[in-house]
Amino acid sequence: MTRSLCTALLAFAILPACAPITTNTGGGGAGVASGTYYCWKSRYYEDSGKLMCNWTDSLKAACELSTHRSIPAAQIATGPTAGKKCANGEALVEVTVK
């Protein structure tokens, strides 16, 4: 009994480790909160009315390359413009969202 219980618990502990890793591509359509967002210039591109990149509202997180997401172009108030450079040499771009 104890052995089968331990086996069952072990299976539940391992199962989440086998789940696929997903990234947020902003497909929910809800948009993002207003403010300034930063991303790597080398990761930036536009696709179907969306600005695609590793957008984040933190300079530190942008330099650490967070998950990929999109911002609807209709939400952009200013930008994209050249931003600061990360310590690793990556150039950033920034946008301001309405």
PDB file of N, CA and C in Angstrom:
ATOM      1  N   MET A   1       0.827  -1.195   0.000  1.00  0.00           N
ATOM      2  CA  MET A   1       0.000   0.000   0.000  1.00  0.00           C
ATOM      3  C   MET A   1       0.873   1.261   0.000  1.00  0.00           C
ATOM      4  N   THR A   2       1.849   1.298   0.897  1.00  0.00           N
ATOM      5  CA  THR A   2       2.725   2.456   0.989  1.00  0.00           C
ATOM      6  C   THR A   2       3.527   2.633  -0.290  1.00  0.00           C
ATOM      7  N   ARG A   3       3.975   1.519  -0.858  1.00  0.00           N
ATOM      8  CA  ARG A   3       4.772   1.582  -2.081  1.00  0.00           C
ATOM      9  C   ARG A   3       3.932   2.123  -3.244  1.00  0.00           C
ATOM     10  N   SER A   4       2.686   1.673  -3.383  1.00  0.00           N
ATOM     11  CA  SER A   4       1.837   2.154  -4.479  1.00  0.00           C
ATOM     12  C   SER A   4       1.471   3.624  -4.279  1.00  0.00           C
ATOM     13  N   LEU A   5       1.294   4.035  -3.032  1.00  0.00           N
ATOM     14  CA  LEU A   5       1.008   5.440  -2.745  1.00  0.00           C
ATOM     15  C   LEU A   5       2.208   6.309  -3.110  1.00  0.00           C
ATOM     16  N   CYS A   6       3.402   5.856  -2.774  1.00  0.00           N
ATOM     17  CA  CYS A   6       4.617   6.603  -3.117  1.00  0.00           C
ATOM     18  C   CYS A   6       4.801   6.678  -4.625  1.00  0.00           C
ATOM     19  N   THR A   7       4.501   5.591  -5.326  1.00  0.00           N
ATOM     20  CA  THR A   7       4.614   5.576  -6.786  1.00  0.00           C
ATOM     21  C   THR A   7       3.639   6.566  -7.407  1.00  0.00           C
ATOM     22  N   ALA A   8       2.407   6.598  -6.891  1.00  0.00           N
ATOM     23  CA  ALA A   8       1.401   7.525  -7.409  1.00  0.00           C
ATOM     24  C   ALA A   8       1.816   8.971  -7.158  1.00  0.00           C
ATOM     25  N   LEU A   9       2.316   9.263  -5.971  1.00  0.00           N
ATOM     26  CA  LEU A   9       2.759  10.621  -5.652  1.00  0.00           C
ATOM     27  C   LEU A   9       3.942  11.027  -6.517  1.00  0.00           C
ATOM     28  N   LEU A  10       4.850  10.108  -6.760  1.00  0.00           N
ATOM     29  CA  LEU A  10       6.002  10.387  -7.607  1.00  0.00           C
ATOM     30  C   LEU A  10       5.559  10.710  -9.032  1.00  0.00           C
ATOM     31  N   ALA A  11       4.571   9.971  -9.526  1.00  0.00           N
ATOM     32  CA  ALA A  11       4.059  10.228 -10.880  1.00  0.00           C
ATOM     33  C   ALA A  11       3.480  11.635 -10.976  1.00  0.00           C
ATOM     34  N   PHE A  12       2.751  12.072  -9.964  1.00  0.00           N
ATOM     35  CA  PHE A  12       2.182  13.423  -9.982  1.00  0.00           C
ATOM     36  C   PHE A  12       3.256  14.495  -9.842  1.00  0.00           C
ATOM     37  N   ALA A  13       4.353  14.171  -9.176  1.00  0.00           N
ATOM     38  CA  ALA A  13       5.449  15.135  -9.032  1.00  0.00           C
ATOM     39  C   ALA A  13       6.229  15.282 -10.332  1.00  0.00           C
ATOM     40  N   ILE A  14       6.358  14.192 -11.092  1.00  0.00           N
ATOM     41  CA  ILE A  14       7.127  14.223 -12.334  1.00  0.00           C
ATOM     42  C   ILE A  14       6.317  14.770 -13.494  1.00  0.00           C
ATOM     43  N   LEU A  15       5.025  14.518 -13.522  1.00  0.00           N
ATOM     44  CA  LEU A  15       4.169  14.906 -14.640  1.00  0.00           C
ATOM     45  C   LEU A  15       4.290  16.372 -15.033  1.00  0.00           C
ATOM     46  N   PRO A  16       4.259  17.345 -14.106  1.00  0.00           N
ATOM     47  CA  PRO A  16       4.401  18.749 -14.525  1.00  0.00           C
ATOM     48  C   PRO A  16       5.736  19.051 -15.191  1.00  0.00           C
ATOM     49  N   ALA A  17       6.770  18.312 -14.856  1.00  0.00           N
ATOM     50  CA  ALA A  17       8.073  18.545 -15.475  1.00  0.00           C
ATOM     51  C   ALA A  17       8.075  18.169 -16.951  1.00  0.00           C
ATOM     52  N   CYS A  18       7.131  17.333 -17.352  1.00  0.00           N
ATOM     53  CA  CYS A  18       7.031  16.902 -18.751  1.00  0.00           C
ATOM     54  C   CYS A  18       6.156  17.836 -19.581  1.00  0.00           C
ATOM     55  N   ALA A  19       5.487  18.780 -18.951  1.00  0.00           N
ATOM     56  CA  ALA A  19       4.599  19.690 -19.677  1.00  0.00           C
ATOM     57  C   ALA A  19       5.415  20.592 -20.589  1.00  0.00           C
ATOM     58  N   PRO A  20       4.871  20.931 -21.764  1.00  0.00           N
ATOM     59  CA  PRO A  20       5.619  21.792 -22.685  1.00  0.00           C
ATOM     60  C   PRO A  20       5.750  23.209 -22.152  1.00  0.00           C
ATOM     61  N   ILE A  21       6.833  23.860 -22.526  1.00  0.00           N
ATOM     62  CA  ILE A  21       7.054  25.252 -22.147  1.00  0.00           C
ATOM     63  C   ILE A  21       6.406  26.128 -23.205  1.00  0.00           C
ATOM     64  N   THR A  22       5.606  27.096 -22.790  1.00  0.00           N
ATOM     65  CA  THR A  22       4.954  27.995 -23.734  1.00  0.00           C
ATOM     66  C   THR A  22       5.389  29.416 -23.462  1.00  0.00           C
ATOM     67  N   THR A  23       5.267  30.259 -24.474  1.00  0.00           N
ATOM     68  CA  THR A  23       5.564  31.676 -24.299  1.00  0.00           C
ATOM     69  C   THR A  23       4.309  32.472 -24.559  1.00  0.00           C
ATOM     70  N   ASN A  24       4.222  33.627 -23.967  1.00  0.00           N
ATOM     71  CA  ASN A  24       3.084  34.503 -24.158  1.00  0.00           C
ATOM     72  C   ASN A  24       3.285  35.297 -25.430  1.00  0.00           C
ATOM     73  N   THR A  25       2.403  35.066 -26.395  1.00  0.00           N
ATOM     74  CA  THR A  25       2.500  35.819 -27.639  1.00  0.00           C
ATOM     75  C   THR A  25       1.450  36.913 -27.694  1.00  0.00           C
ATOM     76  N   GLY A  26       0.780  37.150 -26.583  1.00  0.00           N
ATOM     77  CA  GLY A  26      -0.189  38.228 -26.545  1.00  0.00           C
ATOM     78  C   GLY A  26      -1.421  37.964 -27.372  1.00  0.00           C
ATOM     79  N   GLY A  27      -1.748  36.697 -27.603  1.00  0.00           N
ATOM     80  CA  GLY A  27      -2.866  36.347 -28.458  1.00  0.00           C
ATOM     81  C   GLY A  27      -4.223  36.580 -27.836  1.00  0.00           C
ATOM     82  N   GLY A  28      -4.290  36.979 -26.575  1.00  0.00           N
ATOM     83  CA  GLY A  28      -5.564  37.160 -25.914  1.00  0.00           C
ATOM     84  C   GLY A  28      -6.356  38.337 -26.427  1.00  0.00           C
ATOM     85  N   GLY A  29      -5.719  39.266 -27.087  1.00  0.00           N
ATOM     86  CA  GLY A  29      -6.416  40.396 -27.671  1.00  0.00           C
ATOM     87  C   GLY A  29      -6.761  41.506 -26.694  1.00  0.00           C
ATOM     88  N   ALA A  30      -6.469  41.322 -25.420  1.00  0.00           N
ATOM     89  CA  ALA A  30      -6.834  42.317 -24.427  1.00  0.00           C
ATOM     90  C   ALA A  30      -5.879  43.498 -24.414  1.00  0.00           C
ATOM     91  N   GLY A  31      -4.706  43.358 -25.014  1.00  0.00           N
ATOM     92  CA  GLY A  31      -3.738  44.445 -25.022  1.00  0.00           C
ATOM     93  C   GLY A  31      -2.919  44.459 -23.753  1.00  0.00           C
ATOM     94  N   VAL A  32      -2.202  45.541 -23.541  1.00  0.00           N
ATOM     95  CA  VAL A  32      -1.331  45.679 -22.375  1.00  0.00           C
ATOM     96  C   VAL A  32      -1.659  46.976 -21.649  1.00  0.00           C
ATOM     97  N   ALA A  33      -1.223  47.067 -20.417  1.00  0.00           N
ATOM     98  CA  ALA A  33      -1.464  48.266 -19.617  1.00  0.00           C
ATOM     99  C   ALA A  33      -0.659  49.443 -20.162  1.00  0.00           C
ATOM    100  N   SER A  34      -1.126  50.642 -19.886  1.00  0.00           N
ATOM    101  CA  SER A  34      -0.414  51.834 -20.352  1.00  0.00           C
ATOM    102  C   SER A  34       0.923  51.950 -19.630  1.00  0.00           C
ATOM    103  N   GLY A  35       1.856  52.646 -20.273  1.00  0.00           N
ATOM    104  CA  GLY A  35       3.181  52.829 -19.703  1.00  0.00           C
ATOM    105  C   GLY A  35       4.246  52.664 -20.760  1.00  0.00           C
ATOM    106  N   THR A  36       5.506  52.612 -20.328  1.00  0.00           N
ATOM    107  CA  THR A  36       6.636  52.451 -21.236  1.00  0.00           C
ATOM    108  C   THR A  36       7.111  51.010 -21.189  1.00  0.00           C
ATOM    109  N   TYR A  37       7.377  50.456 -22.367  1.00  0.00           N
ATOM    110  CA  TYR A  37       7.844  49.078 -22.503  1.00  0.00           C
ATOM    111  C   TYR A  37       9.159  49.064 -23.267  1.00  0.00           C
ATOM    112  N   TYR A  38      10.020  48.105 -22.931  1.00  0.00           N
ATOM    113  CA  TYR A  38      11.356  47.994 -23.505  1.00  0.00           C
ATOM    114  C   TYR A  38      11.563  46.583 -24.057  1.00  0.00           C
ATOM    115  N   CYS A  39      12.414  46.480 -25.087  1.00  0.00           N
ATOM    116  CA  CYS A  39      12.779  45.165 -25.611  1.00  0.00           C
ATOM    117  C   CYS A  39      14.076  45.256 -26.392  1.00  0.00           C
ATOM    118  N   TRP A  40      14.666  44.091 -26.708  1.00  0.00           N
ATOM    119  CA  TRP A  40      15.883  44.043 -27.500  1.00  0.00           C
ATOM    120  C   TRP A  40      15.583  44.468 -28.925  1.00  0.00           C
ATOM    121  N   LYS A  41      16.369  45.370 -29.455  1.00  0.00           N
ATOM    122  CA  LYS A  41      16.202  45.824 -30.838  1.00  0.00           C
ATOM    123  C   LYS A  41      16.313  44.643 -31.808  1.00  0.00           C
ATOM    124  N   SER A  42      17.198  43.711 -31.511  1.00  0.00           N
ATOM    125  CA  SER A  42      17.406  42.561 -32.400  1.00  0.00           C
ATOM    126  C   SER A  42      16.229  41.590 -32.401  1.00  0.00           C
ATOM    127  N   ARG A  43      15.327  41.690 -31.431  1.00  0.00           N
ATOM    128  CA  ARG A  43      14.155  40.813 -31.351  1.00  0.00           C
ATOM    129  C   ARG A  43      12.884  41.476 -31.876  1.00  0.00           C
ATOM    130  N   TYR A  44      12.957  42.758 -32.193  1.00  0.00           N
ATOM    131  CA  TYR A  44      11.768  43.523 -32.585  1.00  0.00           C
ATOM    132  C   TYR A  44      11.376  43.279 -34.044  1.00  0.00           C
ATOM    133  N   TYR A  45      10.075  43.054 -34.270  1.00  0.00           N
ATOM    134  CA  TYR A  45       9.517  43.019 -35.625  1.00  0.00           C
ATOM    135  C   TYR A  45       8.018  43.276 -35.540  1.00  0.00           C
ATOM    136  N   GLU A  46       7.419  43.607 -36.666  1.00  0.00           N
ATOM    137  CA  GLU A  46       5.982  43.851 -36.732  1.00  0.00           C
ATOM    138  C   GLU A  46       5.319  42.735 -37.513  1.00  0.00           C
ATOM    139  N   ASP A  47       4.128  42.332 -37.059  1.00  0.00           N
ATOM    140  CA  ASP A  47       3.394  41.255 -37.711  1.00  0.00           C
ATOM    141  C   ASP A  47       1.898  41.462 -37.510  1.00  0.00           C
ATOM    142  N   SER A  48       1.178  41.638 -38.596  1.00  0.00           N
ATOM    143  CA  SER A  48      -0.289  41.739 -38.576  1.00  0.00           C
ATOM    144  C   SER A  48      -0.802  42.772 -37.577  1.00  0.00           C
ATOM    145  N   GLY A  49      -0.224  43.965 -37.605  1.00  0.00           N
ATOM    146  CA  GLY A  49      -0.690  45.035 -36.730  1.00  0.00           C
ATOM    147  C   GLY A  49      -0.241  44.914 -35.287  1.00  0.00           C
ATOM    148  N   LYS A  50       0.744  44.070 -35.037  1.00  0.00           N
ATOM    149  CA  LYS A  50       1.268  43.896 -33.682  1.00  0.00           C
ATOM    150  C   LYS A  50       2.770  44.129 -33.689  1.00  0.00           C
ATOM    151  N   LEU A  51       3.278  44.714 -32.619  1.00  0.00           N
ATOM    152  CA  LEU A  51       4.714  44.890 -32.423  1.00  0.00           C
ATOM    153  C   LEU A  51       5.188  43.715 -31.575  1.00  0.00           C
ATOM    154  N   MET A  52       6.005  42.861 -32.161  1.00  0.00           N
ATOM    155  CA  MET A  52       6.455  41.633 -31.511  1.00  0.00           C
ATOM    156  C   MET A  52       7.858  41.845 -30.940  1.00  0.00           C
ATOM    157  N   CYS A  53       8.078  41.371 -29.730  1.00  0.00           N
ATOM    158  CA  CYS A  53       9.386  41.508 -29.099  1.00  0.00           C
ATOM    159  C   CYS A  53       9.340  40.864 -27.720  1.00  0.00           C
ATOM    160  N   ASN A  54      10.400  41.013 -26.947  1.00  0.00           N
ATOM    161  CA  ASN A  54      10.419  40.569 -25.558  1.00  0.00           C
ATOM    162  C   ASN A  54      10.021  41.744 -24.657  1.00  0.00           C
ATOM    163  N   TRP A  55       8.854  42.331 -24.936  1.00  0.00           N
ATOM    164  CA  TRP A  55       8.400  43.534 -24.231  1.00  0.00           C
ATOM    165  C   TRP A  55       8.255  43.297 -22.739  1.00  0.00           C
ATOM    166  N   THR A  56       8.712  44.281 -21.979  1.00  0.00           N
ATOM    167  CA  THR A  56       8.522  44.298 -20.539  1.00  0.00           C
ATOM    168  C   THR A  56       8.570  45.754 -20.070  1.00  0.00           C
ATOM    169  N   ASP A  57       7.954  46.030 -18.941  1.00  0.00           N
ATOM    170  CA  ASP A  57       7.937  47.406 -18.438  1.00  0.00           C
ATOM    171  C   ASP A  57       9.127  47.701 -17.525  1.00  0.00           C
ATOM    172  N   SER A  58      10.104  46.801 -17.498  1.00  0.00           N
ATOM    173  CA  SER A  58      11.291  46.969 -16.660  1.00  0.00           C
ATOM    174  C   SER A  58      12.550  46.926 -17.521  1.00  0.00           C
ATOM    175  N   LEU A  59      13.396  47.950 -17.397  1.00  0.00           N
ATOM    176  CA  LEU A  59      14.670  47.953 -18.122  1.00  0.00           C
ATOM    177  C   LEU A  59      15.515  46.735 -17.750  1.00  0.00           C
ATOM    178  N   LYS A  60      15.567  46.418 -16.471  1.00  0.00           N
ATOM    179  CA  LYS A  60      16.361  45.275 -16.009  1.00  0.00           C
ATOM    180  C   LYS A  60      15.865  43.983 -16.645  1.00  0.00           C
ATOM    181  N   ALA A  61      14.560  43.760 -16.628  1.00  0.00           N
ATOM    182  CA  ALA A  61      13.997  42.537 -17.215  1.00  0.00           C
ATOM    183  C   ALA A  61      14.211  42.500 -18.721  1.00  0.00           C
ATOM    184  N   ALA A  62      14.127  43.649 -19.380  1.00  0.00           N
ATOM    185  CA  ALA A  62      14.343  43.698 -20.830  1.00  0.00           C
ATOM    186  C   ALA A  62      15.765  43.265 -21.167  1.00  0.00           C
ATOM    187  N   CYS A  63      16.717  43.649 -20.351  1.00  0.00           N
ATOM    188  CA  CYS A  63      18.111  43.259 -20.592  1.00  0.00           C
ATOM    189  C   CYS A  63      18.340  41.777 -20.330  1.00  0.00           C
ATOM    190  N   GLU A  64      17.473  41.170 -19.539  1.00  0.00           N
ATOM    191  CA  GLU A  64      17.595  39.746 -19.241  1.00  0.00           C
ATOM    192  C   GLU A  64      16.779  38.887 -20.202  1.00  0.00           C
ATOM    193  N   LEU A  65      16.154  39.495 -21.212  1.00  0.00           N
ATOM    194  CA  LEU A  65      15.377  38.801 -22.237  1.00  0.00           C
ATOM    195  C   LEU A  65      14.220  37.999 -21.656  1.00  0.00           C
ATOM    196  N   SER A  66      13.122  38.680 -21.367  1.00  0.00           N
ATOM    197  CA  SER A  66      11.935  38.012 -20.870  1.00  0.00           C
ATOM    198  C   SER A  66      11.190  37.339 -22.019  1.00  0.00           C
ATOM    199  N   THR A  67      10.044  36.761 -21.722  1.00  0.00           N
ATOM    200  CA  THR A  67       9.289  36.017 -22.728  1.00  0.00           C
ATOM    201  C   THR A  67       8.784  36.904 -23.854  1.00  0.00           C
ATOM    202  N   HIS A  68       8.603  36.283 -24.983  1.00  0.00           N
ATOM    203  CA  HIS A  68       8.151  36.977 -26.187  1.00  0.00           C
ATOM    204  C   HIS A  68       6.671  37.334 -26.052  1.00  0.00           C
ATOM    205  N   ARG A  69       6.302  38.545 -26.415  1.00  0.00           N
ATOM    206  CA  ARG A  69       4.899  38.965 -26.386  1.00  0.00           C
ATOM    207  C   ARG A  69       4.671  40.049 -27.418  1.00  0.00           C
ATOM    208  N   SER A  70       3.421  40.399 -27.627  1.00  0.00           N
ATOM    209  CA  SER A  70       3.096  41.414 -28.623  1.00  0.00           C
ATOM    210  C   SER A  70       2.344  42.567 -27.982  1.00  0.00           C
ATOM    211  N   ILE A  71       2.407  43.705 -28.649  1.00  0.00           N
ATOM    212  CA  ILE A  71       1.621  44.877 -28.272  1.00  0.00           C
ATOM    213  C   ILE A  71       0.892  45.314 -29.536  1.00  0.00           C
ATOM    214  N   PRO A  72      -0.435  45.444 -29.481  1.00  0.00           N
ATOM    215  CA  PRO A  72      -1.160  45.910 -30.666  1.00  0.00           C
ATOM    216  C   PRO A  72      -0.683  47.303 -31.079  1.00  0.00           C
ATOM    217  N   ALA A  73      -0.412  47.481 -32.369  1.00  0.00           N
ATOM    218  CA  ALA A  73       0.080  48.768 -32.875  1.00  0.00           C
ATOM    219  C   ALA A  73      -0.891  49.899 -32.555  1.00  0.00           C
ATOM    220  N   ALA A  74      -2.177  49.610 -32.507  1.00  0.00           N
ATOM    221  CA  ALA A  74      -3.183  50.629 -32.211  1.00  0.00           C
ATOM    222  C   ALA A  74      -3.040  51.186 -30.797  1.00  0.00           C
ATOM    223  N   GLN A  75      -2.362  50.484 -29.904  1.00  0.00           N
ATOM    224  CA  GLN A  75      -2.181  50.946 -28.527  1.00  0.00           C
ATOM    225  C   GLN A  75      -0.950  51.827 -28.350  1.00  0.00           C
ATOM    226  N   ILE A  76      -0.108  51.947 -29.359  1.00  0.00           N
ATOM    227  CA  ILE A  76       1.149  52.685 -29.231  1.00  0.00           C
ATOM    228  C   ILE A  76       0.905  54.189 -29.304  1.00  0.00           C
ATOM    229  N   ALA A  77       1.366  54.913 -28.281  1.00  0.00           N
ATOM    230  CA  ALA A  77       1.272  56.373 -28.272  1.00  0.00           C
ATOM    231  C   ALA A  77       2.520  56.975 -28.913  1.00  0.00           C
ATOM    232  N   THR A  78       3.706  56.467 -28.550  1.00  0.00           N
ATOM    233  CA  THR A  78       4.968  56.922 -29.147  1.00  0.00           C
ATOM    234  C   THR A  78       5.898  55.734 -29.333  1.00  0.00           C
ATOM    235  N   GLY A  79       6.732  55.826 -30.352  1.00  0.00           N
ATOM    236  CA  GLY A  79       7.735  54.801 -30.590  1.00  0.00           C
ATOM    237  C   GLY A  79       7.333  53.869 -31.711  1.00  0.00           C
ATOM    238  N   PRO A  80       8.161  52.906 -31.963  1.00  0.00           N
ATOM    239  CA  PRO A  80       9.351  52.560 -31.206  1.00  0.00           C
ATOM    240  C   PRO A  80      10.511  53.512 -31.469  1.00  0.00           C
ATOM    241  N   THR A  81      11.249  53.798 -30.427  1.00  0.00           N
ATOM    242  CA  THR A  81      12.423  54.661 -30.524  1.00  0.00           C
ATOM    243  C   THR A  81      13.621  53.940 -29.913  1.00  0.00           C
ATOM    244  N   ALA A  82      14.812  54.389 -30.289  1.00  0.00           N
ATOM    245  CA  ALA A  82      16.035  53.806 -29.732  1.00  0.00           C
ATOM    246  C   ALA A  82      16.074  54.066 -28.234  1.00  0.00           C
ATOM    247  N   GLY A  83      16.425  53.045 -27.489  1.00  0.00           N
ATOM    248  CA  GLY A  83      16.512  53.167 -26.041  1.00  0.00           C
ATOM    249  C   GLY A  83      17.946  53.036 -25.569  1.00  0.00           C
ATOM    250  N   LYS A  84      18.101  52.642 -24.325  1.00  0.00           N
ATOM    251  CA  LYS A  84      19.427  52.473 -23.724  1.00  0.00           C
ATOM    252  C   LYS A  84      20.070  51.178 -24.206  1.00  0.00           C
ATOM    253  N   LYS A  85      21.302  50.961 -23.773  1.00  0.00           N
ATOM    254  CA  LYS A  85      22.004  49.712 -24.054  1.00  0.00           C
ATOM    255  C   LYS A  85      22.136  48.921 -22.764  1.00  0.00           C
ATOM    256  N   CYS A  86      22.009  47.618 -22.883  1.00  0.00           N
ATOM    257  CA  CYS A  86      22.197  46.731 -21.740  1.00  0.00           C
ATOM    258  C   CYS A  86      23.691  46.521 -21.496  1.00  0.00           C
ATOM    259  N   ALA A  87      24.028  46.043 -20.314  1.00  0.00           N
ATOM    260  CA  ALA A  87      25.423  45.750 -19.982  1.00  0.00           C
ATOM    261  C   ALA A  87      26.011  44.688 -20.912  1.00  0.00           C
ATOM    262  N   ASN A  88      25.143  43.814 -21.464  1.00  0.00           N
ATOM    263  CA  ASN A  88      25.615  42.766 -22.371  1.00  0.00           C
ATOM    264  C   ASN A  88      25.781  43.267 -23.805  1.00  0.00           C
ATOM    265  N   GLY A  89      25.539  44.582 -24.029  1.00  0.00           N
ATOM    266  CA  GLY A  89      25.722  45.177 -25.347  1.00  0.00           C
ATOM    267  C   GLY A  89      24.477  45.242 -26.204  1.00  0.00           C
ATOM    268  N   GLU A  90      23.393  44.593 -25.769  1.00  0.00           N
ATOM    269  CA  GLU A  90      22.149  44.616 -26.547  1.00  0.00           C
ATOM    270  C   GLU A  90      21.543  46.018 -26.523  1.00  0.00           C
ATOM    271  N   ALA A  91      21.188  46.512 -27.700  1.00  0.00           N
ATOM    272  CA  ALA A  91      20.488  47.795 -27.805  1.00  0.00           C
ATOM    273  C   ALA A  91      19.004  47.551 -27.550  1.00  0.00           C
ATOM    274  N   LEU A  92      18.370  48.487 -26.872  1.00  0.00           N
ATOM    275  CA  LEU A  92      16.943  48.380 -26.580  1.00  0.00           C
ATOM    276  C   LEU A  92      16.149  49.359 -27.429  1.00  0.00           C
ATOM    277  N   VAL A  93      14.887  49.026 -27.663  1.00  0.00           N
ATOM    278  CA  VAL A  93      13.922  49.967 -28.215  1.00  0.00           C
ATOM    279  C   VAL A  93      12.842  50.132 -27.160  1.00  0.00           C
ATOM    280  N   GLU A  94      12.140  51.257 -27.232  1.00  0.00           N
ATOM    281  CA  GLU A  94      11.065  51.480 -26.270  1.00  0.00           C
ATOM    282  C   GLU A  94       9.847  52.057 -26.953  1.00  0.00           C
ATOM    283  N   VAL A  95       8.693  51.757 -26.375  1.00  0.00           N
ATOM    284  CA  VAL A  95       7.426  52.309 -26.840  1.00  0.00           C
ATOM    285  C   VAL A  95       6.645  52.776 -25.622  1.00  0.00           C
ATOM    286  N   THR A  96       5.768  53.736 -25.849  1.00  0.00           N
ATOM    287  CA  THR A  96       4.841  54.157 -24.815  1.00  0.00           C
ATOM    288  C   THR A  96       3.454  53.734 -25.263  1.00  0.00           C
ATOM    289  N   VAL A  97       2.761  53.033 -24.383  1.00  0.00           N
ATOM    290  CA  VAL A  97       1.424  52.525 -24.670  1.00  0.00           C
ATOM    291  C   VAL A  97       0.400  53.480 -24.080  1.00  0.00           C
ATOM    292  N   LYS A  98      -0.663  53.746 -24.855  1.00  0.00           N
ATOM    293  CA  LYS A  98      -1.741  54.652 -24.422  1.00  0.00           C
ATOM    294  C   LYS A  98      -2.413  54.137 -23.169  1.00  0.00           C
TER     295      LYS A  98
END
